[in-house]
Every structure is written in C-alpha cells, then in structure tokens.
C-alpha cells in the first residue's frame, strides 16, 4: 500500500505513539464525568432536621424537597451543582440556593440554621417536567425570566400551567380570572366569587397535584363563593396529599359538623350566647355575654350586633368579623379573617 520505506516508517511510528496515548485518552474521557460528578455534592434522600426538629426538610427524590414552613409545607424543586443546592419554590414562585456539605448530610440555609440528615430514606422517582410552553423558563432559568414569562401569559396558558402541577401559578389564577371578568372586591375587601368553571379547574388541579397549597386554595375559593360543603373534601385531599399539611387535616376535621342540614337551619332572632370554639386559626374562642359583649382570643372586648341575620363585631383593624349563625350551636365565618372557620358552641 505505502511503498516508500521512509513513509512506512513514519506511519508506523505515528501508530505506535497513538497506541501508547490512546489508553490515557480513553481513561481521561471516562474519568471526566466522574470528576464533574465529584465536584457536585450528593444529596441523600430522607429527613433533615434543624434545632431538634424545629425545622424540617424531607428530600423526596433527586429533584424534590418538602420543607416545613409557617404557612404550611412548601415544595422545592432542586438541583445540586458545585456544592450548592439551587432550588425553585413551587408554592411561592421564588428561587434561591443553600450550601451543601461535601457528604450531602447537612444543608446550610443561612442565618446559622443547618439542617442535618436524621433519617435516611429511599428516593422516589424524580418528577417529570410539566409539558407547558412557559414553565421550562422557571425550571431552568432565573426568577425574573420566569416571572416575566408567566406575568405576560394569557389566562388560558396560566390555567394550563396550573393543571401541570405548578402551585404558585394556581395561586395567580383567581386574580387573573377576576381581572379578566372585571370583578371588583366586595365588602371588607373580600374577593368576588368565582364561577363554576373556575372552581372545577382548581379542584381538578388539587386532585391531580401533589402540593397541599393548591387544595387549600381551592377550599378557600369555594368558601368565598358560599360553596361551603365543597371546602372540606379539598382540605381532606390537602391532608392526604404527598406534600401534605397538618393544618389542613385539623381544618377538615373542624368542618365535620358542617352539613347540608346544618346550613339549612334558620338564623336565630337573637344574638348567640355562650362559648364558641374552633381548634385552629388566629381567633379560636368567642365568648358571648347576655349583654352582647364578646371576648375573643387575645383581643379586646367587642360589641356584637345582629344585621340581616348575620352577627357582626368590629375588630381593632377597623373592619368587622362577620358570622352566619347556623341554629344556636354553629357560627360560620364569612369575613376575610375567618375564612374556612366554623365555631361550635361549647357547653362545657
């Protein structure tokens, strides 16, 4: 093939050098991904705790974390790069990052709060990306790009994103619907009730999704619309959801006395008397005296009045607490401060 002796000699020398170098090249190629992987600290699945359980984060899979928070659990989508745990809060629509220990067994969230792995657990399957046009910007890009994208989307696109399992978009939907329909707030700044189609959309997103916040939102919107019996099933689902809420469990239980028969009871002709309680919320106890004076939990005394079958009490924020009496044993909260509230008379 190559007849020139000198050319054959040069080719042979080149092949010899290549054969000598090739194993090194192959080894380098094989080790390159491993070296990159080592630069990213692993994150183990399981329960991480801070300050003896005061704060908790549960790593569910290779891309989801359930974090306990003051207003209920929050769902974080995360990725680990170069010792940093970058995440996007799917309940709040916010991104941030934490420091991760090299062994993946502690997470530093700042403010001298370090979450330490207490109970390792098997990882669930990672969550697939929602198939929407806008969401990949949120998933892969920064916060501002995401916000700009979904703030400019149509109601129809927001509805699609909510249905794909993005709780923070579901929270934006009610205002978007009201704005599109020109619905103005009612008494005391209460949002205008949504229509049937909107409720079905939120309920479907609740039942399909994994975050309790979507179900709680569906329950609140049902309550605002006077669909009181629709609220409890949504709260029960929030209680049992993969990203569940213990507050939703308590709320659902507290609404057990709220039945169609209870709602059908006529309003009494006089102010209630006695002690009425609920197990959760800022306002948990109301004590009605015979003179119409009412004492509340950590509140100054209020004067109750009966107006069109509703019990009203002016509070220290300048507005009214408003309750609908159901017979003489139940008080249904219908103002902003007592949404999802049912007070039951305690004769004990």
Foldseek 3Di string as FASTA:
>chain_A
DDPDVVVVVVVVVVVVVCVVCVVVVVVCVVCPVVVQVLQWADAFAAWWAWPVNPWIWGQAAQFWIWTQDPVAIWIWGWHTGRQKTWTATLQALAIDIWGADNNNQWTHPDPPTIIGGDTTDDHDYDDDDQPADLCVCSVPHHSVSSCVRVVPDALVRLLSVLLSARNNSLVVNVVNVCVVVVFAADPPRHGAQDDPVNLVSLQNSLVPYQALNSLQVSLLSCLLNVVNVVNLVSLVSLCVGNRHGVVSVLLSVQCVVPDPLLVPAAQDPDDAAAKWAGDDAPWGIWHADPQQWIDIDVAPIWGWDADPQWIWTQGPVGGIFIWHHRPRFWTQTNHPRQRSHIIGGDPD
